[in-house]
Protein backbone atom coordinates (compact mmCIF):
# COMPACT_ATOMS: atom_id res chain seq x y z
CA UNK A 1 0.00 0.00 0.00
CA UNK A 2 1.37 3.42 -0.96
CA UNK A 3 0.06 5.36 2.01
CA UNK A 4 2.10 8.31 3.21
CA UNK A 5 3.47 7.47 6.66
CA UNK A 6 3.20 9.88 9.57
CA UNK A 7 6.22 11.78 10.78
CA UNK A 8 7.39 11.82 14.35
CA UNK A 9 6.21 14.86 16.30
CA UNK A 10 9.46 16.74 17.00
CA UNK A 11 10.58 17.85 20.43
CA UNK A 12 11.09 21.57 20.92
CA UNK A 13 10.31 24.24 18.34
CA UNK A 14 8.89 23.26 14.96
CA UNK A 15 6.71 24.58 12.16
CA UNK A 16 3.76 22.72 10.68
CA UNK A 17 3.27 22.71 6.90
CA UNK A 18 0.58 21.14 4.73
CA UNK A 19 1.90 19.76 1.44
CA UNK A 20 -0.02 18.61 -1.63
CA UNK A 21 1.57 16.13 -3.97
CA UNK A 22 1.21 15.29 -7.66
CA UNK A 23 -0.88 12.20 -6.91
CA UNK A 24 -3.49 14.22 -5.02
CA UNK A 25 -2.34 13.12 -1.58
CA UNK A 26 -1.84 15.68 1.16
CA UNK A 27 0.42 15.48 4.15
CA UNK A 28 1.05 17.44 7.30
CA UNK A 29 4.79 17.76 7.95
CA UNK A 30 6.73 19.11 10.88
CA UNK A 31 9.89 21.08 10.24
CA UNK A 32 12.70 21.88 12.66
CA UNK A 33 15.96 23.72 12.11
CA UNK A 34 17.96 20.62 13.05
CA UNK A 35 20.41 19.76 10.29
CA UNK A 36 21.59 16.17 9.92
CA UNK A 37 25.23 16.20 8.83
CA UNK A 38 25.85 13.54 6.23
CA UNK A 39 28.93 11.38 6.10
CA UNK A 40 30.85 11.10 2.86
CA UNK A 41 28.99 7.91 1.95
CA UNK A 42 26.82 7.91 -1.17
CA UNK A 43 23.06 7.79 -0.55
CA UNK A 44 21.38 5.51 -3.08
CA UNK A 45 17.78 4.65 -3.94
CA UNK A 46 15.64 3.25 -6.72
CA UNK A 47 11.99 3.94 -7.52
CA UNK A 48 9.46 2.62 -9.98
CA UNK A 49 7.90 4.85 -12.65
CA UNK A 50 5.41 6.22 -10.12
CA UNK A 51 8.12 7.36 -7.72
CA UNK A 52 7.52 4.52 -5.27
CA UNK A 53 10.69 3.49 -3.43
CA UNK A 54 11.87 -0.01 -4.35
CA UNK A 55 15.42 -0.03 -2.95
CA UNK A 56 17.55 2.00 -0.52
CA UNK A 57 21.01 1.64 0.99
CA UNK A 58 22.07 2.04 4.63
CA UNK A 59 23.28 5.66 4.23
CA UNK A 60 19.81 6.53 2.84
CA UNK A 61 18.14 4.94 5.87
CA UNK A 62 20.47 6.76 8.26
CA UNK A 63 20.02 10.16 6.58
CA UNK A 64 16.23 9.91 6.26
CA UNK A 65 15.57 8.63 9.77
CA UNK A 66 13.05 6.11 8.41
CA UNK A 67 13.57 2.34 8.61
CA UNK A 68 13.92 0.28 5.45
CA UNK A 69 10.48 -1.21 6.11
CA UNK A 70 8.96 2.27 6.39
CA UNK A 71 10.58 3.39 3.11
CA UNK A 72 10.06 0.47 0.72
CA UNK A 73 6.75 0.81 -1.10
CA UNK A 74 6.30 4.45 -0.13
CA UNK A 75 6.35 7.53 -2.38
CA UNK A 76 9.77 9.16 -2.56
CA UNK A 77 8.12 12.48 -1.81
CA UNK A 78 7.93 11.56 1.88
CA UNK A 79 11.37 13.22 1.90
CA UNK A 80 10.12 16.44 0.33
CA UNK A 81 11.01 19.44 2.44
CA UNK A 82 8.51 22.33 2.23
CA UNK A 83 11.38 24.74 1.51
CA UNK A 84 11.92 23.04 -1.85
CA UNK A 85 10.10 24.94 -4.62
CA UNK A 86 7.72 22.87 -6.74
CA UNK A 87 9.40 24.14 -9.90
CA UNK A 88 12.58 22.26 -8.91
CA UNK A 89 10.70 18.96 -9.08
CA UNK A 90 8.97 19.97 -12.33
CA UNK A 91 12.43 20.60 -13.78
CA UNK A 92 13.57 17.19 -12.56
CA UNK A 93 10.62 15.34 -14.13
CA UNK A 94 10.90 17.34 -17.38
CA UNK A 95 14.61 16.46 -17.63
CA UNK A 96 14.05 12.80 -16.77
CA UNK A 97 11.32 12.55 -19.40
CA UNK A 98 13.28 14.29 -22.16
CA UNK A 99 16.89 13.32 -21.38
CA UNK A 100 16.70 10.37 -18.99
CA UNK A 101 18.78 12.14 -16.34
CA UNK A 102 18.81 15.10 -13.96
CA UNK A 103 21.12 16.55 -11.36
CA UNK A 104 20.52 19.23 -8.79
CA UNK A 105 20.64 20.31 -5.18
CA UNK A 106 17.91 19.13 -2.83
CA UNK A 107 16.95 19.84 0.77
CA UNK A 108 15.37 16.66 2.14
CA UNK A 109 13.09 16.23 5.14
CA UNK A 110 13.90 13.65 7.82
CA UNK A 111 11.31 11.64 9.70
CA UNK A 112 11.93 13.73 12.84
CA UNK A 113 11.46 17.08 11.05
CA UNK A 114 15.15 17.77 10.59
CA UNK A 115 16.75 18.15 7.18
CA UNK A 116 19.81 17.35 5.10
CA UNK A 117 21.14 18.78 1.85
CA UNK A 118 22.38 16.68 -1.07
CA UNK A 119 23.59 16.94 -4.62
CA UNK A 120 21.47 14.36 -6.44
CA UNK A 121 22.06 12.66 -9.77
CA UNK A 122 18.98 10.82 -11.02
CA UNK A 123 18.83 8.66 -14.13
CA UNK A 124 16.28 6.42 -15.72
CA UNK A 125 16.58 2.65 -15.55
CA UNK A 126 15.83 0.82 -18.77
CA UNK A 127 15.07 -2.75 -19.72
CA UNK A 128 14.75 -3.74 -23.37
CA UNK A 129 14.76 -0.05 -24.37
CA UNK A 130 11.88 0.84 -22.06
CA UNK A 131 12.14 3.00 -18.94
CA UNK A 132 11.18 0.90 -15.90
CA UNK A 133 12.18 3.21 -13.05
CA UNK A 134 14.77 5.62 -11.72
CA UNK A 135 17.89 5.45 -9.62
CA UNK A 136 19.43 8.26 -7.65
CA UNK A 137 22.84 8.74 -6.09
CA UNK A 138 23.29 11.60 -3.65
CA UNK A 139 26.22 13.07 -1.79
CA UNK A 140 26.71 15.77 0.81
CA UNK A 141 27.36 19.35 -0.23
CA UNK A 142 29.51 22.04 1.34
CA UNK A 143 28.37 25.04 3.38
CA UNK A 144 28.79 27.51 0.51
CA UNK A 145 26.54 25.41 -1.74
CA UNK A 146 23.94 25.14 1.07
CA UNK A 147 23.87 28.92 1.53
CA UNK A 148 23.60 29.50 -2.22
CA UNK A 149 20.71 27.07 -2.78
CA UNK A 150 18.90 28.04 0.42
CA UNK A 151 18.83 31.64 -0.89
CA UNK A 152 18.03 30.60 -4.47
CA UNK A 153 15.11 28.39 -3.43
CA UNK A 154 13.78 31.05 -1.04
CA UNK A 155 13.79 33.49 -3.97
CA UNK A 156 12.01 30.92 -6.17
CA UNK A 157 9.35 30.45 -3.48
CA UNK A 158 8.93 34.22 -3.23
CA UNK A 159 10.18 34.29 0.36
CA UNK A 160 12.76 37.03 -0.30
CA UNK A 161 12.87 39.95 -2.70
CA UNK A 162 14.80 39.43 -5.92
CA UNK A 163 17.85 41.71 -5.92
C-alpha atoms as a PDB file:
ATOM      1  CA  UNK A   1       0.000   0.000   0.000  1.00  0.00           C
ATOM      2  CA  UNK A   2       1.366   3.425  -0.955  1.00  0.00           C
ATOM      3  CA  UNK A   3       0.063   5.359   2.008  1.00  0.00           C
ATOM      4  CA  UNK A   4       2.095   8.311   3.207  1.00  0.00           C
ATOM      5  CA  UNK A   5       3.466   7.471   6.659  1.00  0.00           C
ATOM      6  CA  UNK A   6       3.203   9.879   9.565  1.00  0.00           C
ATOM      7  CA  UNK A   7       6.217  11.780  10.777  1.00  0.00           C
ATOM      8  CA  UNK A   8       7.388  11.824  14.355  1.00  0.00           C
ATOM      9  CA  UNK A   9       6.205  14.864  16.295  1.00  0.00           C
ATOM     10  CA  UNK A  10       9.465  16.739  16.998  1.00  0.00           C
ATOM     11  CA  UNK A  11      10.575  17.850  20.430  1.00  0.00           C
ATOM     12  CA  UNK A  12      11.087  21.571  20.916  1.00  0.00           C
ATOM     13  CA  UNK A  13      10.310  24.237  18.339  1.00  0.00           C
ATOM     14  CA  UNK A  14       8.893  23.262  14.964  1.00  0.00           C
ATOM     15  CA  UNK A  15       6.710  24.583  12.155  1.00  0.00           C
ATOM     16  CA  UNK A  16       3.757  22.721  10.679  1.00  0.00           C
ATOM     17  CA  UNK A  17       3.269  22.709   6.899  1.00  0.00           C
ATOM     18  CA  UNK A  18       0.577  21.138   4.730  1.00  0.00           C
ATOM     19  CA  UNK A  19       1.902  19.757   1.439  1.00  0.00           C
ATOM     20  CA  UNK A  20      -0.022  18.613  -1.635  1.00  0.00           C
ATOM     21  CA  UNK A  21       1.568  16.132  -3.974  1.00  0.00           C
ATOM     22  CA  UNK A  22       1.212  15.294  -7.661  1.00  0.00           C
ATOM     23  CA  UNK A  23      -0.877  12.201  -6.911  1.00  0.00           C
ATOM     24  CA  UNK A  24      -3.488  14.216  -5.018  1.00  0.00           C
ATOM     25  CA  UNK A  25      -2.345  13.118  -1.584  1.00  0.00           C
ATOM     26  CA  UNK A  26      -1.841  15.676   1.156  1.00  0.00           C
ATOM     27  CA  UNK A  27       0.422  15.477   4.145  1.00  0.00           C
ATOM     28  CA  UNK A  28       1.050  17.435   7.302  1.00  0.00           C
ATOM     29  CA  UNK A  29       4.785  17.762   7.952  1.00  0.00           C
ATOM     30  CA  UNK A  30       6.730  19.108  10.885  1.00  0.00           C
ATOM     31  CA  UNK A  31       9.895  21.082  10.236  1.00  0.00           C
ATOM     32  CA  UNK A  32      12.696  21.882  12.664  1.00  0.00           C
ATOM     33  CA  UNK A  33      15.959  23.721  12.112  1.00  0.00           C
ATOM     34  CA  UNK A  34      17.956  20.617  13.055  1.00  0.00           C
ATOM     35  CA  UNK A  35      20.412  19.755  10.291  1.00  0.00           C
ATOM     36  CA  UNK A  36      21.590  16.172   9.922  1.00  0.00           C
ATOM     37  CA  UNK A  37      25.226  16.204   8.833  1.00  0.00           C
ATOM     38  CA  UNK A  38      25.849  13.542   6.227  1.00  0.00           C
ATOM     39  CA  UNK A  39      28.925  11.377   6.103  1.00  0.00           C
ATOM     40  CA  UNK A  40      30.854  11.100   2.862  1.00  0.00           C
ATOM     41  CA  UNK A  41      28.988   7.905   1.953  1.00  0.00           C
ATOM     42  CA  UNK A  42      26.816   7.907  -1.168  1.00  0.00           C
ATOM     43  CA  UNK A  43      23.062   7.790  -0.554  1.00  0.00           C
ATOM     44  CA  UNK A  44      21.375   5.511  -3.082  1.00  0.00           C
ATOM     45  CA  UNK A  45      17.784   4.647  -3.941  1.00  0.00           C
ATOM     46  CA  UNK A  46      15.635   3.254  -6.724  1.00  0.00           C
ATOM     47  CA  UNK A  47      11.989   3.942  -7.523  1.00  0.00           C
ATOM     48  CA  UNK A  48       9.459   2.620  -9.978  1.00  0.00           C
ATOM     49  CA  UNK A  49       7.901   4.848 -12.649  1.00  0.00           C
ATOM     50  CA  UNK A  50       5.408   6.224 -10.121  1.00  0.00           C
ATOM     51  CA  UNK A  51       8.125   7.364  -7.722  1.00  0.00           C
ATOM     52  CA  UNK A  52       7.521   4.516  -5.271  1.00  0.00           C
ATOM     53  CA  UNK A  53      10.695   3.492  -3.434  1.00  0.00           C
ATOM     54  CA  UNK A  54      11.874  -0.013  -4.347  1.00  0.00           C
ATOM     55  CA  UNK A  55      15.419  -0.027  -2.951  1.00  0.00           C
ATOM     56  CA  UNK A  56      17.555   1.997  -0.518  1.00  0.00           C
ATOM     57  CA  UNK A  57      21.015   1.637   0.990  1.00  0.00           C
ATOM     58  CA  UNK A  58      22.074   2.044   4.631  1.00  0.00           C
ATOM     59  CA  UNK A  59      23.281   5.663   4.234  1.00  0.00           C
ATOM     60  CA  UNK A  60      19.811   6.533   2.841  1.00  0.00           C
ATOM     61  CA  UNK A  61      18.145   4.943   5.869  1.00  0.00           C
ATOM     62  CA  UNK A  62      20.474   6.756   8.260  1.00  0.00           C
ATOM     63  CA  UNK A  63      20.017  10.155   6.584  1.00  0.00           C
ATOM     64  CA  UNK A  64      16.233   9.911   6.259  1.00  0.00           C
ATOM     65  CA  UNK A  65      15.573   8.628   9.772  1.00  0.00           C
ATOM     66  CA  UNK A  66      13.048   6.106   8.412  1.00  0.00           C
ATOM     67  CA  UNK A  67      13.570   2.339   8.610  1.00  0.00           C
ATOM     68  CA  UNK A  68      13.920   0.277   5.452  1.00  0.00           C
ATOM     69  CA  UNK A  69      10.481  -1.213   6.106  1.00  0.00           C
ATOM     70  CA  UNK A  70       8.961   2.267   6.392  1.00  0.00           C
ATOM     71  CA  UNK A  71      10.581   3.391   3.115  1.00  0.00           C
ATOM     72  CA  UNK A  72      10.062   0.474   0.717  1.00  0.00           C
ATOM     73  CA  UNK A  73       6.752   0.810  -1.097  1.00  0.00           C
ATOM     74  CA  UNK A  74       6.296   4.454  -0.129  1.00  0.00           C
ATOM     75  CA  UNK A  75       6.347   7.528  -2.380  1.00  0.00           C
ATOM     76  CA  UNK A  76       9.769   9.163  -2.561  1.00  0.00           C
ATOM     77  CA  UNK A  77       8.116  12.478  -1.808  1.00  0.00           C
ATOM     78  CA  UNK A  78       7.926  11.564   1.880  1.00  0.00           C
ATOM     79  CA  UNK A  79      11.366  13.218   1.900  1.00  0.00           C
ATOM     80  CA  UNK A  80      10.123  16.437   0.328  1.00  0.00           C
ATOM     81  CA  UNK A  81      11.010  19.443   2.439  1.00  0.00           C
ATOM     82  CA  UNK A  82       8.506  22.329   2.227  1.00  0.00           C
ATOM     83  CA  UNK A  83      11.381  24.740   1.512  1.00  0.00           C
ATOM     84  CA  UNK A  84      11.918  23.039  -1.854  1.00  0.00           C
ATOM     85  CA  UNK A  85      10.105  24.941  -4.618  1.00  0.00           C
ATOM     86  CA  UNK A  86       7.719  22.869  -6.736  1.00  0.00           C
ATOM     87  CA  UNK A  87       9.402  24.140  -9.901  1.00  0.00           C
ATOM     88  CA  UNK A  88      12.581  22.256  -8.914  1.00  0.00           C
ATOM     89  CA  UNK A  89      10.700  18.960  -9.084  1.00  0.00           C
ATOM     90  CA  UNK A  90       8.968  19.968 -12.325  1.00  0.00           C
ATOM     91  CA  UNK A  91      12.433  20.601 -13.781  1.00  0.00           C
ATOM     92  CA  UNK A  92      13.569  17.190 -12.555  1.00  0.00           C
ATOM     93  CA  UNK A  93      10.623  15.343 -14.127  1.00  0.00           C
ATOM     94  CA  UNK A  94      10.902  17.342 -17.376  1.00  0.00           C
ATOM     95  CA  UNK A  95      14.607  16.458 -17.625  1.00  0.00           C
ATOM     96  CA  UNK A  96      14.045  12.804 -16.769  1.00  0.00           C
ATOM     97  CA  UNK A  97      11.319  12.554 -19.401  1.00  0.00           C
ATOM     98  CA  UNK A  98      13.280  14.287 -22.155  1.00  0.00           C
ATOM     99  CA  UNK A  99      16.892  13.317 -21.379  1.00  0.00           C
ATOM    100  CA  UNK A 100      16.702  10.373 -18.994  1.00  0.00           C
ATOM    101  CA  UNK A 101      18.780  12.139 -16.338  1.00  0.00           C
ATOM    102  CA  UNK A 102      18.808  15.096 -13.961  1.00  0.00           C
ATOM    103  CA  UNK A 103      21.119  16.547 -11.361  1.00  0.00           C
ATOM    104  CA  UNK A 104      20.522  19.228  -8.787  1.00  0.00           C
ATOM    105  CA  UNK A 105      20.641  20.307  -5.175  1.00  0.00           C
ATOM    106  CA  UNK A 106      17.906  19.129  -2.833  1.00  0.00           C
ATOM    107  CA  UNK A 107      16.950  19.836   0.770  1.00  0.00           C
ATOM    108  CA  UNK A 108      15.365  16.659   2.138  1.00  0.00           C
ATOM    109  CA  UNK A 109      13.091  16.228   5.143  1.00  0.00           C
ATOM    110  CA  UNK A 110      13.902  13.654   7.819  1.00  0.00           C
ATOM    111  CA  UNK A 111      11.311  11.640   9.704  1.00  0.00           C
ATOM    112  CA  UNK A 112      11.932  13.727  12.842  1.00  0.00           C
ATOM    113  CA  UNK A 113      11.456  17.078  11.047  1.00  0.00           C
ATOM    114  CA  UNK A 114      15.146  17.774  10.586  1.00  0.00           C
ATOM    115  CA  UNK A 115      16.754  18.151   7.184  1.00  0.00           C
ATOM    116  CA  UNK A 116      19.811  17.347   5.104  1.00  0.00           C
ATOM    117  CA  UNK A 117      21.142  18.776   1.849  1.00  0.00           C
ATOM    118  CA  UNK A 118      22.384  16.678  -1.072  1.00  0.00           C
ATOM    119  CA  UNK A 119      23.586  16.938  -4.621  1.00  0.00           C
ATOM    120  CA  UNK A 120      21.465  14.360  -6.439  1.00  0.00           C
ATOM    121  CA  UNK A 121      22.056  12.656  -9.769  1.00  0.00           C
ATOM    122  CA  UNK A 122      18.977  10.822 -11.024  1.00  0.00           C
ATOM    123  CA  UNK A 123      18.829   8.663 -14.133  1.00  0.00           C
ATOM    124  CA  UNK A 124      16.282   6.423 -15.722  1.00  0.00           C
ATOM    125  CA  UNK A 125      16.583   2.649 -15.548  1.00  0.00           C
ATOM    126  CA  UNK A 126      15.832   0.817 -18.770  1.00  0.00           C
ATOM    127  CA  UNK A 127      15.069  -2.746 -19.717  1.00  0.00           C
ATOM    128  CA  UNK A 128      14.751  -3.738 -23.373  1.00  0.00           C
ATOM    129  CA  UNK A 129      14.759  -0.055 -24.370  1.00  0.00           C
ATOM    130  CA  UNK A 130      11.877   0.835 -22.058  1.00  0.00           C
ATOM    131  CA  UNK A 131      12.137   3.005 -18.935  1.00  0.00           C
ATOM    132  CA  UNK A 132      11.178   0.902 -15.901  1.00  0.00           C
ATOM    133  CA  UNK A 133      12.176   3.212 -13.053  1.00  0.00           C
ATOM    134  CA  UNK A 134      14.768   5.617 -11.718  1.00  0.00           C
ATOM    135  CA  UNK A 135      17.886   5.451  -9.617  1.00  0.00           C
ATOM    136  CA  UNK A 136      19.433   8.259  -7.652  1.00  0.00           C
ATOM    137  CA  UNK A 137      22.844   8.735  -6.094  1.00  0.00           C
ATOM    138  CA  UNK A 138      23.292  11.598  -3.654  1.00  0.00           C
ATOM    139  CA  UNK A 139      26.220  13.074  -1.790  1.00  0.00           C
ATOM    140  CA  UNK A 140      26.707  15.774   0.808  1.00  0.00           C
ATOM    141  CA  UNK A 141      27.361  19.347  -0.226  1.00  0.00           C
ATOM    142  CA  UNK A 142      29.507  22.041   1.343  1.00  0.00           C
ATOM    143  CA  UNK A 143      28.369  25.044   3.380  1.00  0.00           C
ATOM    144  CA  UNK A 144      28.791  27.512   0.510  1.00  0.00           C
ATOM    145  CA  UNK A 145      26.537  25.406  -1.737  1.00  0.00           C
ATOM    146  CA  UNK A 146      23.944  25.137   1.067  1.00  0.00           C
ATOM    147  CA  UNK A 147      23.865  28.923   1.532  1.00  0.00           C
ATOM    148  CA  UNK A 148      23.598  29.495  -2.216  1.00  0.00           C
ATOM    149  CA  UNK A 149      20.713  27.067  -2.776  1.00  0.00           C
ATOM    150  CA  UNK A 150      18.904  28.042   0.423  1.00  0.00           C
ATOM    151  CA  UNK A 151      18.830  31.644  -0.888  1.00  0.00           C
ATOM    152  CA  UNK A 152      18.026  30.600  -4.466  1.00  0.00           C
ATOM    153  CA  UNK A 153      15.114  28.394  -3.431  1.00  0.00           C
ATOM    154  CA  UNK A 154      13.783  31.051  -1.035  1.00  0.00           C
ATOM    155  CA  UNK A 155      13.793  33.488  -3.967  1.00  0.00           C
ATOM    156  CA  UNK A 156      12.011  30.925  -6.168  1.00  0.00           C
ATOM    157  CA  UNK A 157       9.348  30.453  -3.477  1.00  0.00           C
ATOM    158  CA  UNK A 158       8.933  34.221  -3.233  1.00  0.00           C
ATOM    159  CA  UNK A 159      10.184  34.295   0.359  1.00  0.00           C
ATOM    160  CA  UNK A 160      12.757  37.025  -0.296  1.00  0.00           C
ATOM    161  CA  UNK A 161      12.872  39.953  -2.698  1.00  0.00           C
ATOM    162  CA  UNK A 162      14.795  39.429  -5.920  1.00  0.00           C
ATOM    163  CA  UNK A 163      17.848  41.714  -5.921  1.00  0.00           C
END
